[in-house]
Protein backbone atom coordinates (compact mmCIF):
# COMPACT_ATOMS: atom_id res chain seq x y z
CA MET A 1 -92.69 215.24 -9.70
CA GLN A 2 -95.36 217.79 -10.47
CA HIS A 3 -93.59 219.01 -13.62
CA GLU A 4 -93.14 215.58 -15.18
CA LEU A 5 -95.57 214.72 -17.97
CA GLN A 6 -98.38 212.79 -16.31
CA ALA A 7 -101.44 213.16 -18.53
CA LEU A 8 -102.80 213.81 -22.01
CA LEU A 9 -105.96 215.90 -22.33
CA LEU A 10 -107.72 215.34 -25.64
CA ASP A 11 -110.32 217.17 -27.63
CA VAL A 12 -112.85 214.99 -29.48
CA ASP A 13 -114.34 216.42 -32.68
CA GLY A 14 -111.70 216.73 -35.39
CA THR A 15 -108.99 215.47 -33.01
CA LEU A 16 -109.87 211.87 -32.18
CA ALA A 17 -111.92 211.40 -35.34
CA ASP A 18 -112.86 213.39 -38.44
CA THR A 19 -116.34 214.07 -37.16
CA GLU A 20 -116.92 217.63 -38.31
CA ASP A 21 -118.52 216.76 -41.64
CA ILE A 22 -120.70 214.16 -39.92
CA HIS A 23 -121.87 216.93 -37.59
CA ARG A 24 -122.61 219.13 -40.63
CA GLN A 25 -124.67 216.41 -42.29
CA ALA A 26 -126.53 215.77 -39.03
CA PHE A 27 -127.43 219.45 -38.73
CA ASN A 28 -128.79 219.40 -42.28
CA ALA A 29 -130.79 216.23 -41.59
CA ALA A 30 -132.31 217.83 -38.48
CA PHE A 31 -133.22 220.96 -40.42
CA ALA A 32 -134.90 218.89 -43.14
CA GLN A 33 -136.79 216.85 -40.55
CA ALA A 34 -138.11 220.10 -39.07
CA GLY A 35 -139.28 221.26 -42.51
CA LEU A 36 -136.63 223.98 -42.80
CA ASP A 37 -134.89 224.81 -46.08
CA TRP A 38 -131.56 225.53 -44.39
CA ASN A 39 -128.53 223.76 -45.84
CA TRP A 40 -125.03 224.18 -44.45
CA ASP A 41 -122.45 223.46 -47.15
CA GLN A 42 -118.81 222.89 -46.29
CA ALA A 43 -117.76 226.48 -46.94
CA LEU A 44 -120.44 227.87 -44.65
CA TYR A 45 -119.79 225.25 -41.99
CA SER A 46 -116.10 226.15 -41.97
CA GLU A 47 -117.13 229.66 -40.95
CA LEU A 48 -119.71 228.47 -38.44
CA LEU A 49 -117.08 226.35 -36.67
CA ALA A 50 -115.63 229.58 -35.30
CA VAL A 51 -118.61 229.41 -32.92
CA THR A 52 -118.26 226.62 -30.37
CA GLY A 53 -121.38 224.71 -29.34
CA GLY A 54 -124.14 223.39 -31.57
CA LYS A 55 -127.00 225.48 -30.17
CA GLU A 56 -124.78 228.55 -30.24
CA ARG A 57 -123.91 227.77 -33.86
CA ILE A 58 -127.60 227.63 -34.84
CA ARG A 59 -128.24 230.94 -33.08
CA TYR A 60 -125.28 232.56 -34.85
CA PHE A 61 -126.47 231.24 -38.21
CA LEU A 62 -129.91 232.73 -37.65
CA ASP A 63 -128.50 236.09 -36.61
CA ARG A 64 -126.10 236.25 -39.55
CA GLU A 65 -127.82 234.41 -42.40
CA ARG A 66 -131.54 234.41 -41.56
CA PRO A 67 -132.22 237.57 -39.53
CA ASP A 68 -135.79 237.70 -40.88
CA PHE A 69 -136.63 234.16 -39.75
CA ASN A 70 -139.72 234.23 -37.54
CA LEU A 71 -138.57 232.47 -34.37
CA PRO A 72 -141.27 231.10 -32.05
CA ASP A 73 -141.85 232.80 -28.73
CA ASP A 74 -139.64 230.29 -26.94
CA ALA A 75 -136.64 230.58 -29.23
CA ASN A 76 -134.35 228.72 -26.84
CA ALA A 77 -136.64 225.69 -26.78
CA PHE A 78 -136.93 225.74 -30.59
CA ILE A 79 -133.14 225.78 -31.02
CA ALA A 80 -132.67 223.12 -28.33
CA GLU A 81 -135.17 220.84 -30.11
CA LEU A 82 -133.36 221.30 -33.43
CA HIS A 83 -130.05 220.50 -31.74
CA ALA A 84 -131.49 217.41 -30.04
CA GLY A 85 -132.61 216.15 -33.45
CA LYS A 86 -129.14 216.81 -34.82
CA THR A 87 -127.60 214.82 -31.95
CA ARG A 88 -129.84 211.83 -32.73
CA PHE A 89 -128.74 211.82 -36.38
CA TYR A 90 -125.10 212.16 -35.33
CA VAL A 91 -125.24 209.31 -32.81
CA ASP A 92 -126.93 207.10 -35.42
CA ALA A 93 -124.08 207.84 -37.85
CA LEU A 94 -121.51 206.85 -35.23
CA ALA A 95 -123.39 203.63 -34.46
CA SER A 96 -123.21 202.69 -38.13
CA GLY A 97 -119.40 202.66 -37.89
CA SER A 98 -118.95 205.38 -40.49
CA VAL A 99 -116.57 207.51 -38.39
CA PRO A 100 -113.12 205.93 -37.98
CA LEU A 101 -110.49 207.32 -35.63
CA ARG A 102 -107.88 209.61 -37.14
CA PRO A 103 -104.46 208.15 -38.04
CA GLY A 104 -102.33 207.40 -35.01
CA VAL A 105 -104.96 208.07 -32.35
CA GLU A 106 -105.55 204.53 -31.10
CA ARG A 107 -101.84 203.67 -31.44
CA LEU A 108 -100.73 206.69 -29.39
CA LEU A 109 -103.34 206.21 -26.69
CA ASN A 110 -102.39 202.56 -26.30
CA GLU A 111 -98.73 203.60 -25.96
CA ALA A 112 -99.65 206.31 -23.46
CA ARG A 113 -101.63 203.90 -21.32
CA ALA A 114 -98.78 201.38 -21.38
CA ALA A 115 -96.37 204.12 -20.30
CA GLY A 116 -98.57 205.04 -17.34
CA LEU A 117 -99.83 208.36 -18.67
CA ARG A 118 -103.31 209.34 -17.56
CA LEU A 119 -105.92 210.22 -20.19
CA ALA A 120 -108.82 212.65 -20.11
CA ILE A 121 -111.27 214.21 -22.52
CA ALA A 122 -111.70 217.99 -22.71
CA THR A 123 -114.43 218.91 -25.17
CA THR A 124 -117.35 221.27 -25.51
CA THR A 125 -119.54 218.84 -27.41
CA THR A 126 -122.55 217.24 -25.72
CA PRO A 127 -122.18 214.20 -23.41
CA ASP A 128 -124.21 211.96 -25.77
CA ASN A 129 -121.87 212.76 -28.65
CA VAL A 130 -118.77 212.02 -26.57
CA ILE A 131 -120.01 208.70 -25.22
CA ALA A 132 -121.21 207.54 -28.64
CA LEU A 133 -117.89 208.31 -30.33
CA LEU A 134 -115.76 206.73 -27.61
CA GLU A 135 -117.80 203.56 -27.32
CA HIS A 136 -118.23 202.98 -31.06
CA SER A 137 -114.71 203.99 -32.07
CA PHE A 138 -112.74 202.39 -29.25
CA GLY A 139 -115.12 199.50 -28.60
CA VAL A 140 -114.86 199.93 -24.83
CA PRO A 141 -116.91 201.79 -22.21
CA ALA A 142 -115.89 205.43 -22.29
CA THR A 143 -114.56 205.34 -18.76
CA GLY A 144 -112.37 202.35 -19.61
CA TRP A 145 -109.68 204.51 -21.19
CA PHE A 146 -110.40 208.04 -19.96
CA GLU A 147 -110.16 208.94 -16.31
CA VAL A 148 -112.17 212.14 -16.73
CA ILE A 149 -114.62 213.14 -19.45
CA ALA A 150 -115.03 216.90 -19.29
CA ASP A 151 -117.73 217.91 -21.76
CA ALA A 152 -120.37 220.58 -22.31
CA GLY A 153 -122.33 219.25 -19.34
CA ALA A 154 -119.38 219.76 -17.01
CA ALA A 155 -118.28 223.13 -18.39
CA PRO A 156 -121.14 224.99 -20.07
CA VAL A 157 -118.92 228.00 -20.86
CA LYS A 158 -117.37 226.73 -24.06
CA LYS A 159 -113.99 227.05 -25.74
CA PRO A 160 -112.07 229.35 -26.19
CA ALA A 161 -112.81 229.81 -22.48
CA PRO A 162 -110.52 227.62 -20.33
CA ASP A 163 -113.34 226.17 -18.20
CA VAL A 164 -113.37 222.64 -19.64
CA TYR A 165 -109.61 222.26 -19.17
CA GLU A 166 -109.74 223.73 -15.69
CA HIS A 167 -112.50 221.27 -14.81
CA ALA A 168 -110.43 218.31 -16.05
CA LEU A 169 -107.33 219.50 -14.19
CA ASP A 170 -109.31 219.97 -11.00
CA LYS A 171 -110.86 216.49 -11.22
CA MET A 172 -107.46 214.91 -11.86
CA GLN A 173 -105.72 217.09 -9.23
CA LEU A 174 -102.97 217.94 -11.68
CA SER A 175 -101.14 221.15 -12.48
CA PRO A 176 -101.25 222.40 -16.09
CA ALA A 177 -97.48 221.85 -16.29
CA ALA A 178 -98.00 218.10 -15.86
CA CYS A 179 -100.13 217.81 -19.01
CA ILE A 180 -100.16 218.15 -22.77
CA ALA A 181 -103.37 218.88 -24.65
CA ILE A 182 -104.05 217.55 -28.15
CA GLU A 183 -106.38 219.77 -30.17
CA ASP A 184 -107.32 220.51 -33.76
CA SER A 185 -108.63 224.08 -33.72
CA HIS A 186 -107.72 227.68 -32.91
CA ASN A 187 -110.43 227.85 -30.24
CA GLY A 188 -109.17 224.62 -28.71
CA LEU A 189 -105.62 225.97 -28.58
CA LEU A 190 -106.83 229.20 -26.95
CA SER A 191 -108.83 227.22 -24.38
CA ALA A 192 -105.95 224.93 -23.40
CA LYS A 193 -103.40 227.74 -23.32
CA ALA A 194 -105.69 229.90 -21.19
CA ALA A 195 -105.72 227.04 -18.66
CA GLY A 196 -101.92 226.89 -18.83
CA VAL A 197 -101.73 223.60 -20.76
CA ASP A 198 -99.21 223.34 -23.61
CA THR A 199 -100.81 222.03 -26.76
CA LEU A 200 -100.05 219.83 -29.77
CA ILE A 201 -102.22 220.50 -32.82
CA THR A 202 -103.33 218.00 -35.47
CA VAL A 203 -105.24 219.89 -38.15
CA ASN A 204 -108.09 218.69 -40.32
CA SER A 205 -109.65 220.02 -43.52
CA TYR A 206 -111.81 222.47 -41.58
CA THR A 207 -109.02 223.89 -39.42
CA GLU A 208 -105.83 223.68 -41.49
CA ARG A 209 -105.81 227.42 -42.25
CA GLN A 210 -106.41 228.59 -38.68
CA ASP A 211 -103.89 230.43 -36.51
CA PHE A 212 -101.91 228.08 -34.25
CA ASP A 213 -99.32 230.49 -32.94
CA GLY A 214 -98.08 229.25 -29.56
CA ALA A 215 -98.66 225.53 -30.17
CA LEU A 216 -95.90 223.07 -29.29
CA ALA A 217 -96.13 221.72 -32.84
CA VAL A 218 -98.68 221.61 -35.65
CA LEU A 219 -99.02 218.32 -37.56
CA ASP A 220 -101.35 216.95 -40.20
CA HIS A 221 -102.09 213.90 -37.98
CA LEU A 222 -100.41 211.69 -35.38
CA GLY A 223 -98.94 209.21 -37.87
CA GLU A 224 -98.92 205.47 -38.44
CA PRO A 225 -96.06 203.13 -39.45
CA ASP A 226 -97.31 203.18 -43.06
CA MET A 227 -98.57 206.78 -42.95
CA PRO A 228 -95.97 209.21 -41.58
CA CYS A 229 -97.16 212.53 -40.26
CA THR A 230 -95.83 215.90 -41.46
CA LEU A 231 -94.73 218.81 -39.30
CA LEU A 232 -96.55 221.94 -40.49
CA ALA A 233 -95.24 224.36 -37.86
CA GLY A 234 -93.17 224.19 -34.71
CA GLY A 235 -89.58 223.53 -33.86
CA ARG A 236 -89.37 219.75 -33.75
CA ALA A 237 -90.61 217.09 -36.15
CA PRO A 238 -91.45 213.56 -34.98
CA ASP A 239 -89.82 210.58 -36.66
CA GLY A 240 -92.88 209.79 -38.75
CA MET A 241 -95.19 209.28 -35.78
CA VAL A 242 -96.11 211.05 -32.56
CA ASP A 243 -95.19 208.63 -29.80
CA VAL A 244 -94.74 208.96 -26.04
CA GLU A 245 -91.03 209.73 -26.38
CA TYR A 246 -91.79 212.59 -28.77
CA LEU A 247 -94.34 214.01 -26.32
CA LEU A 248 -91.82 213.73 -23.49
CA GLN A 249 -89.27 215.62 -25.58
CA LEU A 250 -91.76 218.39 -26.33
CA HIS A 251 -92.73 218.56 -22.69
CA ARG A 252 -89.13 218.83 -21.46
CA GLN A 253 -88.71 221.93 -23.60
CA THR A 254 -91.55 223.70 -21.80
CA VAL A 255 -90.91 223.01 -18.11
CA PRO A 256 -88.25 224.32 -15.71
CA ALA A 257 -85.20 222.14 -15.22
């Protein structure tokens, strides 16, 4: 049936793995490589994360923090080159194995696959970042687990716009009511909800104070047998871990009988 839970749509950065601080460090490495004295500390980066997209984040930083910076004539090319350098540093960090998956991610996705649920990625990060994380963290080709990888290349209008979710739904030929999204940020929640997809939130240190009104539930992580998760907001707590049965229960509360 169209209203049965059929798929999970997952964000990447901050949701599958705690990548945000690795991104921050990669930005700083790219700035240093380019001879720039810019340094994004954690407090500043928390604010910059309100802007989705790496190139957009650099542009926002310049407008807000360095309005007197003398950009070259081709500002877009300059920012794109900085961002490409950042991506290289980020991918190198992933290849070193320094970015483990968040608690419960691999367990839940294995359970979902065994239960016949379809999996897709819905992110606004760059394709290179997505592929690197999936292949190094899961140890399989990216397409081995995820039917669709909707990223910044597929949906250039970034979250909180719904485009990336709408693209994934279209490719999978599913209605929003047949899916649950798993996100970590306010912009991610807005994006999924705008596409009609109900959303479970797992916060991280950069997003834990954001507004998640309208989420199915807000948790600190997905949980492991020796590391139970905690319900932060929402009407139903899992029994220590988010499993397929818990997702089915959440989903039944949102669809017509």
